[in-house]
Amino acid sequence: MRDYTLEEKEAFMREALKEAEIALAHEEIPIGCVIVKDGEIIGRGHNAREELQRAVMHAEVMAIEEANQHEESWRLLDTTLFVTIEPCVMCSGAIGLARIPQVVYGATNQKFGGAGSLYDILTDERLNHRVEVETGILEAECAAIMQTFFRQGRERKKQAKLAAKAETQE
């Protein structure tokens, strides 16, 4: 497993944030992910559930799919997955199944976290594959894009309510 410097970790997390921005532009929950091997990005992904109408199209799953194709293998040994938000239970399971040895995430996921917040799937000793986890890389930026998304969503709902109320008063 490769040790990345703080500068390298931040650079890869910025690439994951670029993926999150793509999701945000499509009004998806803005989570982005990159998978790195030997200092090179071999997989990218962002949430695309709404766009593709597929429940499993989370950032990590998309990045794993691309990395599997790049490596021509389901095993992603000697890789590091960088993701803006703590992986959910599904994605944590996919990370383990892909044999990814190292995960770095920005901000915690208090509602769906599967890598430390609610569950700790990646380091559970009952499972046959355990993952080294590091948190807090560009945490403020990773949390901020999520807060922006949910704030914009609340504002859209508020505006829709006001528009509907105005229509009924006419």
N, C-alpha and C. Protein backbone atom coordinates (compact mmCIF):
# COMPACT_ATOMS: atom_id res chain seq x y z
N MET A 1 0.84 -1.18 0.00
CA MET A 1 0.00 0.00 0.00
C MET A 1 0.88 1.24 0.00
N ARG A 2 0.52 2.19 -0.81
CA ARG A 2 1.34 3.39 -0.97
C ARG A 2 0.97 4.43 0.07
N ASP A 3 1.99 5.07 0.61
CA ASP A 3 1.77 6.21 1.50
C ASP A 3 1.81 7.48 0.68
N TYR A 4 0.73 8.23 0.70
CA TYR A 4 0.67 9.49 -0.02
C TYR A 4 0.97 10.62 0.95
N THR A 5 1.60 11.67 0.45
CA THR A 5 1.83 12.85 1.27
C THR A 5 0.49 13.57 1.46
N LEU A 6 0.43 14.47 2.39
CA LEU A 6 -0.78 15.26 2.59
C LEU A 6 -1.13 16.04 1.33
N GLU A 7 -0.13 16.57 0.65
CA GLU A 7 -0.37 17.33 -0.57
C GLU A 7 -0.98 16.43 -1.65
N GLU A 8 -0.48 15.20 -1.77
CA GLU A 8 -1.02 14.27 -2.75
C GLU A 8 -2.47 13.89 -2.40
N LYS A 9 -2.71 13.63 -1.12
CA LYS A 9 -4.07 13.28 -0.69
C LYS A 9 -5.03 14.42 -1.00
N GLU A 10 -4.60 15.64 -0.72
CA GLU A 10 -5.46 16.80 -1.01
C GLU A 10 -5.69 16.95 -2.51
N ALA A 11 -4.67 16.70 -3.31
CA ALA A 11 -4.82 16.81 -4.77
C ALA A 11 -5.82 15.78 -5.28
N PHE A 12 -5.75 14.55 -4.79
CA PHE A 12 -6.70 13.52 -5.23
C PHE A 12 -8.10 13.82 -4.71
N MET A 13 -8.20 14.37 -3.49
CA MET A 13 -9.52 14.73 -2.97
C MET A 13 -10.11 15.87 -3.79
N ARG A 14 -9.28 16.77 -4.28
CA ARG A 14 -9.78 17.84 -5.16
C ARG A 14 -10.34 17.26 -6.46
N GLU A 15 -9.73 16.19 -6.94
CA GLU A 15 -10.26 15.50 -8.12
C GLU A 15 -11.61 14.88 -7.79
N ALA A 16 -11.74 14.31 -6.60
CA ALA A 16 -13.03 13.76 -6.17
C ALA A 16 -14.06 14.89 -6.05
N LEU A 17 -13.64 16.05 -5.56
CA LEU A 17 -14.54 17.20 -5.47
C LEU A 17 -15.00 17.65 -6.85
N LYS A 18 -14.14 17.55 -7.86
CA LYS A 18 -14.56 17.87 -9.23
C LYS A 18 -15.69 16.95 -9.67
N GLU A 19 -15.59 15.69 -9.31
CA GLU A 19 -16.66 14.74 -9.62
C GLU A 19 -17.94 15.12 -8.87
N ALA A 20 -17.80 15.53 -7.62
CA ALA A 20 -18.96 15.96 -6.84
C ALA A 20 -19.64 17.17 -7.50
N GLU A 21 -18.84 18.06 -8.07
CA GLU A 21 -19.38 19.24 -8.77
C GLU A 21 -20.21 18.80 -9.98
N ILE A 22 -19.78 17.75 -10.66
CA ILE A 22 -20.55 17.22 -11.80
C ILE A 22 -21.91 16.74 -11.30
N ALA A 23 -21.91 16.02 -10.20
CA ALA A 23 -23.17 15.55 -9.62
C ALA A 23 -24.06 16.74 -9.25
N LEU A 24 -23.48 17.74 -8.62
CA LEU A 24 -24.23 18.93 -8.22
C LEU A 24 -24.86 19.62 -9.42
N ALA A 25 -24.12 19.69 -10.51
CA ALA A 25 -24.64 20.32 -11.73
C ALA A 25 -25.84 19.57 -12.29
N HIS A 26 -25.96 18.28 -11.97
CA HIS A 26 -27.10 17.47 -12.40
C HIS A 26 -28.15 17.31 -11.30
N GLU A 27 -28.04 18.14 -10.26
CA GLU A 27 -28.96 18.11 -9.12
C GLU A 27 -28.97 16.75 -8.43
N GLU A 28 -27.82 16.11 -8.42
CA GLU A 28 -27.62 14.85 -7.69
C GLU A 28 -26.96 15.19 -6.36
N ILE A 29 -27.07 14.29 -5.38
CA ILE A 29 -26.34 14.48 -4.14
C ILE A 29 -24.86 14.53 -4.52
N PRO A 30 -24.17 15.62 -4.17
CA PRO A 30 -22.82 15.86 -4.71
C PRO A 30 -21.71 15.10 -3.98
N ILE A 31 -21.58 13.85 -4.35
CA ILE A 31 -20.49 13.03 -3.83
C ILE A 31 -19.65 12.61 -5.03
N GLY A 32 -18.33 12.73 -4.87
CA GLY A 32 -17.41 12.36 -5.93
C GLY A 32 -16.34 11.43 -5.41
N CYS A 33 -15.76 10.66 -6.35
CA CYS A 33 -14.81 9.62 -5.97
C CYS A 33 -13.78 9.42 -7.07
N VAL A 34 -12.54 9.16 -6.67
CA VAL A 34 -11.51 8.70 -7.59
C VAL A 34 -10.78 7.52 -6.96
N ILE A 35 -10.31 6.62 -7.81
CA ILE A 35 -9.50 5.50 -7.36
C ILE A 35 -8.12 5.66 -7.98
N VAL A 36 -7.10 5.54 -7.14
CA VAL A 36 -5.73 5.82 -7.55
C VAL A 36 -4.87 4.57 -7.38
N LYS A 37 -4.04 4.33 -8.38
CA LYS A 37 -3.05 3.25 -8.31
C LYS A 37 -1.72 3.81 -8.83
N ASP A 38 -0.68 3.62 -8.05
CA ASP A 38 0.65 4.11 -8.43
C ASP A 38 0.64 5.59 -8.81
N GLY A 39 -0.14 6.37 -8.08
CA GLY A 39 -0.17 7.81 -8.31
C GLY A 39 -1.00 8.26 -9.50
N GLU A 40 -1.71 7.32 -10.14
CA GLU A 40 -2.52 7.63 -11.33
C GLU A 40 -3.99 7.32 -11.05
N ILE A 41 -4.88 8.20 -11.46
CA ILE A 41 -6.31 7.95 -11.31
C ILE A 41 -6.73 6.92 -12.35
N ILE A 42 -7.30 5.80 -11.87
CA ILE A 42 -7.75 4.74 -12.77
C ILE A 42 -9.27 4.58 -12.79
N GLY A 43 -9.95 5.33 -11.93
CA GLY A 43 -11.41 5.28 -11.90
C GLY A 43 -11.97 6.57 -11.32
N ARG A 44 -13.05 7.04 -11.91
CA ARG A 44 -13.74 8.25 -11.45
C ARG A 44 -15.23 7.96 -11.35
N GLY A 45 -15.89 8.65 -10.44
CA GLY A 45 -17.33 8.50 -10.36
C GLY A 45 -17.97 9.61 -9.56
N HIS A 46 -19.25 9.79 -9.81
CA HIS A 46 -20.06 10.75 -9.05
C HIS A 46 -21.47 10.18 -8.97
N ASN A 47 -22.22 10.63 -8.01
CA ASN A 47 -23.59 10.14 -7.88
C ASN A 47 -24.36 10.44 -9.15
N ALA A 48 -25.12 9.44 -9.61
CA ALA A 48 -25.91 9.60 -10.84
C ALA A 48 -27.21 8.80 -10.77
N ARG A 49 -27.76 8.66 -9.57
CA ARG A 49 -29.00 7.89 -9.42
C ARG A 49 -30.15 8.50 -10.19
N GLU A 50 -30.33 9.79 -10.06
CA GLU A 50 -31.45 10.46 -10.74
C GLU A 50 -31.23 10.46 -12.25
N GLU A 51 -30.03 10.82 -12.66
CA GLU A 51 -29.70 10.90 -14.08
C GLU A 51 -29.90 9.56 -14.78
N LEU A 52 -29.44 8.48 -14.16
CA LEU A 52 -29.50 7.15 -14.78
C LEU A 52 -30.69 6.32 -14.30
N GLN A 53 -31.39 6.80 -13.27
CA GLN A 53 -32.52 6.09 -12.68
C GLN A 53 -32.12 4.66 -12.27
N ARG A 54 -30.97 4.59 -11.62
CA ARG A 54 -30.44 3.32 -11.10
C ARG A 54 -30.00 3.54 -9.67
N ALA A 55 -30.61 2.83 -8.76
CA ALA A 55 -30.40 3.03 -7.33
C ALA A 55 -28.95 2.88 -6.89
N VAL A 56 -28.19 2.04 -7.58
CA VAL A 56 -26.82 1.76 -7.14
C VAL A 56 -25.77 2.68 -7.75
N MET A 57 -26.17 3.68 -8.49
CA MET A 57 -25.20 4.55 -9.14
C MET A 57 -24.65 5.61 -8.19
N HIS A 58 -23.95 5.11 -7.18
CA HIS A 58 -23.23 5.98 -6.26
C HIS A 58 -21.84 6.23 -6.82
N ALA A 59 -21.20 7.28 -6.34
CA ALA A 59 -19.87 7.67 -6.83
C ALA A 59 -18.87 6.52 -6.73
N GLU A 60 -18.85 5.83 -5.60
CA GLU A 60 -17.88 4.76 -5.40
C GLU A 60 -18.11 3.61 -6.37
N VAL A 61 -19.36 3.26 -6.60
CA VAL A 61 -19.69 2.15 -7.50
C VAL A 61 -19.25 2.50 -8.93
N MET A 62 -19.51 3.73 -9.35
CA MET A 62 -19.09 4.15 -10.69
C MET A 62 -17.56 4.10 -10.83
N ALA A 63 -16.86 4.59 -9.80
CA ALA A 63 -15.40 4.60 -9.84
C ALA A 63 -14.84 3.18 -9.83
N ILE A 64 -15.45 2.29 -9.04
CA ILE A 64 -15.02 0.89 -9.00
C ILE A 64 -15.21 0.25 -10.36
N GLU A 65 -16.35 0.49 -10.99
CA GLU A 65 -16.61 -0.06 -12.33
C GLU A 65 -15.53 0.38 -13.32
N GLU A 66 -15.21 1.66 -13.32
CA GLU A 66 -14.21 2.17 -14.26
C GLU A 66 -12.83 1.60 -13.95
N ALA A 67 -12.49 1.51 -12.67
CA ALA A 67 -11.19 0.96 -12.28
C ALA A 67 -11.11 -0.53 -12.62
N ASN A 68 -12.21 -1.27 -12.45
CA ASN A 68 -12.22 -2.69 -12.84
C ASN A 68 -11.92 -2.83 -14.33
N GLN A 69 -12.53 -1.98 -15.14
CA GLN A 69 -12.28 -2.02 -16.58
C GLN A 69 -10.83 -1.67 -16.90
N HIS A 70 -10.32 -0.66 -16.22
CA HIS A 70 -8.94 -0.24 -16.45
C HIS A 70 -7.97 -1.38 -16.10
N GLU A 71 -8.21 -2.04 -14.98
CA GLU A 71 -7.32 -3.09 -14.50
C GLU A 71 -7.62 -4.45 -15.14
N GLU A 72 -8.76 -4.54 -15.81
CA GLU A 72 -9.23 -5.82 -16.36
C GLU A 72 -9.28 -6.89 -15.27
N SER A 73 -9.78 -6.46 -14.11
CA SER A 73 -9.87 -7.36 -12.95
C SER A 73 -10.88 -6.80 -11.97
N TRP A 74 -11.56 -7.69 -11.25
CA TRP A 74 -12.46 -7.23 -10.21
C TRP A 74 -11.69 -6.87 -8.95
N ARG A 75 -10.47 -7.36 -8.83
CA ARG A 75 -9.63 -7.06 -7.66
C ARG A 75 -8.90 -5.75 -7.90
N LEU A 76 -9.07 -4.82 -7.00
CA LEU A 76 -8.40 -3.52 -7.10
C LEU A 76 -7.32 -3.41 -6.02
N LEU A 77 -6.43 -4.37 -6.04
CA LEU A 77 -5.34 -4.41 -5.08
C LEU A 77 -4.41 -3.22 -5.31
N ASP A 78 -3.72 -2.80 -4.27
CA ASP A 78 -2.75 -1.70 -4.37
C ASP A 78 -3.38 -0.41 -4.87
N THR A 79 -4.62 -0.16 -4.52
CA THR A 79 -5.28 1.08 -4.89
C THR A 79 -5.71 1.84 -3.64
N THR A 80 -6.02 3.10 -3.84
CA THR A 80 -6.59 3.93 -2.79
C THR A 80 -7.82 4.61 -3.36
N LEU A 81 -8.92 4.54 -2.63
CA LEU A 81 -10.16 5.19 -3.03
C LEU A 81 -10.30 6.48 -2.24
N PHE A 82 -10.46 7.59 -2.95
CA PHE A 82 -10.68 8.91 -2.35
C PHE A 82 -12.12 9.29 -2.63
N VAL A 83 -12.88 9.61 -1.58
CA VAL A 83 -14.28 9.97 -1.75
C VAL A 83 -14.61 11.14 -0.83
N THR A 84 -15.45 12.03 -1.31
CA THR A 84 -15.72 13.27 -0.57
C THR A 84 -16.49 13.04 0.73
N ILE A 85 -17.36 12.04 0.74
CA ILE A 85 -18.20 11.76 1.90
C ILE A 85 -18.03 10.29 2.28
N GLU A 86 -18.07 10.01 3.55
CA GLU A 86 -17.95 8.64 4.05
C GLU A 86 -18.85 7.69 3.27
N PRO A 87 -18.31 6.57 2.82
CA PRO A 87 -19.12 5.61 2.05
C PRO A 87 -20.31 5.08 2.85
N CYS A 88 -21.41 4.87 2.15
CA CYS A 88 -22.60 4.28 2.77
C CYS A 88 -22.36 2.78 2.95
N VAL A 89 -23.34 2.10 3.50
CA VAL A 89 -23.23 0.66 3.73
C VAL A 89 -23.02 -0.09 2.42
N MET A 90 -23.79 0.23 1.39
CA MET A 90 -23.66 -0.45 0.10
C MET A 90 -22.26 -0.25 -0.47
N CYS A 91 -21.81 0.99 -0.48
CA CYS A 91 -20.50 1.28 -1.06
C CYS A 91 -19.37 0.68 -0.24
N SER A 92 -19.51 0.67 1.07
CA SER A 92 -18.51 0.02 1.91
C SER A 92 -18.41 -1.46 1.57
N GLY A 93 -19.55 -2.10 1.35
CA GLY A 93 -19.54 -3.50 0.93
C GLY A 93 -18.86 -3.68 -0.41
N ALA A 94 -19.14 -2.79 -1.36
CA ALA A 94 -18.52 -2.87 -2.68
C ALA A 94 -17.01 -2.66 -2.60
N ILE A 95 -16.58 -1.76 -1.74
CA ILE A 95 -15.14 -1.51 -1.55
C ILE A 95 -14.46 -2.77 -1.04
N GLY A 96 -15.08 -3.42 -0.06
CA GLY A 96 -14.52 -4.66 0.45
C GLY A 96 -14.49 -5.76 -0.59
N LEU A 97 -15.57 -5.88 -1.34
CA LEU A 97 -15.64 -6.93 -2.38
C LEU A 97 -14.61 -6.69 -3.48
N ALA A 98 -14.28 -5.43 -3.76
CA ALA A 98 -13.29 -5.11 -4.78
C ALA A 98 -11.86 -5.24 -4.23
N ARG A 99 -11.75 -5.52 -2.95
CA ARG A 99 -10.44 -5.70 -2.29
C ARG A 99 -9.59 -4.43 -2.30
N ILE A 100 -10.26 -3.28 -2.25
CA ILE A 100 -9.54 -2.01 -2.16
C ILE A 100 -8.95 -1.92 -0.75
N PRO A 101 -7.64 -1.73 -0.62
CA PRO A 101 -7.03 -1.77 0.71
C PRO A 101 -7.07 -0.47 1.49
N GLN A 102 -7.34 0.65 0.82
CA GLN A 102 -7.22 1.93 1.50
C GLN A 102 -8.31 2.89 1.02
N VAL A 103 -8.98 3.54 1.98
CA VAL A 103 -10.01 4.54 1.68
C VAL A 103 -9.68 5.81 2.43
N VAL A 104 -9.79 6.92 1.71
CA VAL A 104 -9.61 8.25 2.30
C VAL A 104 -10.89 9.02 2.00
N TYR A 105 -11.56 9.51 3.06
CA TYR A 105 -12.75 10.31 2.80
C TYR A 105 -12.69 11.65 3.52
N GLY A 106 -13.45 12.59 2.97
CA GLY A 106 -13.43 13.95 3.49
C GLY A 106 -14.27 14.13 4.73
N ALA A 107 -15.59 14.10 4.57
CA ALA A 107 -16.52 14.38 5.66
C ALA A 107 -17.33 13.14 6.02
N THR A 108 -17.78 13.09 7.26
CA THR A 108 -18.57 11.96 7.72
C THR A 108 -19.98 12.01 7.16
N ASN A 109 -20.65 10.87 7.22
CA ASN A 109 -22.01 10.72 6.75
C ASN A 109 -22.84 10.20 7.93
N GLN A 110 -23.34 11.13 8.72
CA GLN A 110 -24.02 10.77 9.97
C GLN A 110 -25.31 9.98 9.75
N LYS A 111 -25.92 10.08 8.59
CA LYS A 111 -27.20 9.41 8.35
C LYS A 111 -27.05 8.04 7.69
N PHE A 112 -25.99 7.84 6.87
CA PHE A 112 -25.86 6.59 6.12
C PHE A 112 -24.45 5.99 6.18
N GLY A 113 -23.59 6.53 7.02
CA GLY A 113 -22.19 6.13 7.02
C GLY A 113 -21.95 4.66 7.33
N GLY A 114 -21.17 4.02 6.47
CA GLY A 114 -20.81 2.62 6.66
C GLY A 114 -19.34 2.42 6.94
N ALA A 115 -18.62 3.52 7.22
CA ALA A 115 -17.18 3.44 7.44
C ALA A 115 -16.77 4.17 8.72
N GLY A 116 -17.63 4.07 9.74
CA GLY A 116 -17.27 4.66 11.02
C GLY A 116 -18.38 5.41 11.74
N SER A 117 -19.27 6.07 11.02
CA SER A 117 -20.30 6.87 11.70
C SER A 117 -21.42 6.02 12.28
N LEU A 118 -22.14 5.30 11.42
CA LEU A 118 -23.21 4.42 11.89
C LEU A 118 -22.74 2.98 12.01
N TYR A 119 -22.03 2.55 11.00
CA TYR A 119 -21.48 1.19 10.94
C TYR A 119 -20.00 1.29 10.63
N ASP A 120 -19.30 0.21 10.84
CA ASP A 120 -17.86 0.21 10.57
C ASP A 120 -17.49 -1.01 9.75
N ILE A 121 -18.09 -1.10 8.58
CA ILE A 121 -17.95 -2.27 7.72
C ILE A 121 -16.51 -2.45 7.24
N LEU A 122 -15.83 -1.36 6.94
CA LEU A 122 -14.51 -1.47 6.33
C LEU A 122 -13.45 -2.04 7.27
N THR A 123 -13.65 -1.92 8.57
CA THR A 123 -12.65 -2.43 9.52
C THR A 123 -13.19 -3.56 10.39
N ASP A 124 -14.38 -4.05 10.11
CA ASP A 124 -15.01 -5.11 10.90
C ASP A 124 -14.17 -6.40 10.81
N GLU A 125 -13.68 -6.85 11.93
CA GLU A 125 -12.81 -8.03 11.95
C GLU A 125 -13.53 -9.33 11.64
N ARG A 126 -14.86 -9.31 11.61
CA ARG A 126 -15.61 -10.51 11.25
C ARG A 126 -15.60 -10.76 9.75
N LEU A 127 -15.24 -9.75 8.98
CA LEU A 127 -15.21 -9.88 7.53
C LEU A 127 -13.80 -10.30 7.08
N ASN A 128 -13.73 -10.91 5.91
CA ASN A 128 -12.43 -11.42 5.46
C ASN A 128 -11.53 -10.35 4.84
N HIS A 129 -12.03 -9.17 4.57
CA HIS A 129 -11.20 -8.10 4.02
C HIS A 129 -11.42 -6.84 4.84
N ARG A 130 -10.34 -6.29 5.33
CA ARG A 130 -10.40 -5.05 6.09
C ARG A 130 -9.63 -3.96 5.35
N VAL A 131 -10.08 -2.74 5.55
CA VAL A 131 -9.59 -1.60 4.79
C VAL A 131 -9.00 -0.58 5.76
N GLU A 132 -7.88 -0.01 5.38
CA GLU A 132 -7.31 1.09 6.14
C GLU A 132 -8.11 2.34 5.78
N VAL A 133 -8.58 3.06 6.79
CA VAL A 133 -9.45 4.23 6.56
C VAL A 133 -8.80 5.47 7.16
N GLU A 134 -8.82 6.54 6.37
CA GLU A 134 -8.37 7.84 6.85
C GLU A 134 -9.47 8.85 6.57
N THR A 135 -9.72 9.73 7.51
CA THR A 135 -10.81 10.71 7.36
C THR A 135 -10.27 12.13 7.48
N GLY A 136 -11.10 13.07 7.07
CA GLY A 136 -10.82 14.47 7.33
C GLY A 136 -10.01 15.21 6.28
N ILE A 137 -9.68 14.58 5.16
CA ILE A 137 -8.92 15.28 4.11
C ILE A 137 -9.88 16.24 3.39
N LEU A 138 -9.56 17.52 3.43
CA LEU A 138 -10.41 18.59 2.87
C LEU A 138 -11.85 18.49 3.40
N GLU A 139 -11.95 18.17 4.66
CA GLU A 139 -13.26 17.94 5.29
C GLU A 139 -14.22 19.12 5.11
N ALA A 140 -13.74 20.33 5.34
CA ALA A 140 -14.63 21.51 5.25
C ALA A 140 -15.19 21.67 3.84
N GLU A 141 -14.34 21.50 2.82
CA GLU A 141 -14.80 21.63 1.43
C GLU A 141 -15.79 20.53 1.07
N CYS A 142 -15.50 19.32 1.54
CA CYS A 142 -16.37 18.19 1.24
C CYS A 142 -17.74 18.34 1.91
N ALA A 143 -17.74 18.83 3.13
CA ALA A 143 -19.01 19.07 3.83
C ALA A 143 -19.76 20.24 3.21
N ALA A 144 -19.04 21.26 2.80
CA ALA A 144 -19.68 22.48 2.27
C ALA A 144 -20.48 22.21 1.01
N ILE A 145 -19.98 21.37 0.12
CA ILE A 145 -20.71 21.11 -1.13
C ILE A 145 -22.02 20.37 -0.82
N MET A 146 -21.99 19.51 0.19
CA MET A 146 -23.23 18.83 0.61
C MET A 146 -24.21 19.82 1.22
N GLN A 147 -23.71 20.70 2.06
CA GLN A 147 -24.58 21.70 2.69
C GLN A 147 -25.20 22.61 1.64
N THR A 148 -24.43 22.98 0.64
CA THR A 148 -24.94 23.81 -0.46
C THR A 148 -26.08 23.09 -1.17
N PHE A 149 -25.87 21.81 -1.48
CA PHE A 149 -26.89 21.03 -2.18
C PHE A 149 -28.20 21.00 -1.39
N PHE A 150 -28.12 20.67 -0.10
CA PHE A 150 -29.34 20.56 0.69
C PHE A 150 -29.99 21.91 0.94
N ARG A 151 -29.17 22.96 1.07
CA ARG A 151 -29.73 24.31 1.22
C ARG A 151 -30.47 24.70 -0.06
N GLN A 152 -29.88 24.43 -1.23
CA GLN A 152 -30.54 24.74 -2.51
C GLN A 152 -31.83 23.94 -2.66
N GLY A 153 -31.82 22.70 -2.21
CA GLY A 153 -33.02 21.86 -2.28
C GLY A 153 -34.15 22.43 -1.43
N ARG A 154 -33.80 22.87 -0.22
CA ARG A 154 -34.82 23.48 0.65
C ARG A 154 -35.37 24.76 0.02
N GLU A 155 -34.49 25.55 -0.60
CA GLU A 155 -34.91 26.79 -1.25
C GLU A 155 -35.82 26.50 -2.44
N ARG A 156 -35.49 25.46 -3.23
CA ARG A 156 -36.35 25.08 -4.37
C ARG A 156 -37.74 24.67 -3.87
N LYS A 157 -37.79 23.90 -2.80
CA LYS A 157 -39.09 23.47 -2.25
C LYS A 157 -39.89 24.67 -1.76
N LYS A 158 -39.21 25.59 -1.10
CA LYS A 158 -39.86 26.80 -0.59
C LYS A 158 -40.44 27.61 -1.74
N GLN A 159 -39.66 27.79 -2.81
CA GLN A 159 -40.12 28.56 -3.96
C GLN A 159 -41.30 27.86 -4.65
N ALA A 160 -41.25 26.54 -4.75
CA ALA A 160 -42.35 25.77 -5.35
C ALA A 160 -43.63 25.93 -4.54
N LYS A 161 -43.49 25.92 -3.21
CA LYS A 161 -44.64 26.09 -2.33
C LYS A 161 -45.26 27.48 -2.51
N LEU A 162 -44.38 28.49 -2.56
CA LEU A 162 -44.87 29.87 -2.75
C LEU A 162 -45.56 30.02 -4.10
N ALA A 163 -45.00 29.41 -5.14
CA ALA A 163 -45.60 29.48 -6.48
C ALA A 163 -46.96 28.79 -6.49
N ALA A 164 -47.06 27.65 -5.83
CA ALA A 164 -48.33 26.92 -5.78
C ALA A 164 -49.37 27.72 -5.00
N LYS A 165 -48.94 28.36 -3.93
CA LYS A 165 -49.85 29.17 -3.12
C LYS A 165 -50.34 30.38 -3.93
N ALA A 166 -49.45 30.99 -4.68
CA ALA A 166 -49.82 32.15 -5.51
C ALA A 166 -50.81 31.74 -6.60
N GLU A 167 -50.63 30.55 -7.15
CA GLU A 167 -51.54 30.04 -8.19
C GLU A 167 -52.95 29.83 -7.65
N THR A 168 -53.03 29.29 -6.45
CA THR A 168 -54.36 29.02 -5.87
C THR A 168 -55.07 30.31 -5.48
N GLN A 169 -54.32 31.38 -5.25
CA GLN A 169 -54.93 32.65 -4.86
C GLN A 169 -55.41 33.46 -6.07
N GLU A 170 -55.00 33.06 -7.26
CA GLU A 170 -55.40 33.80 -8.47
C GLU A 170 -56.76 33.45 -8.94
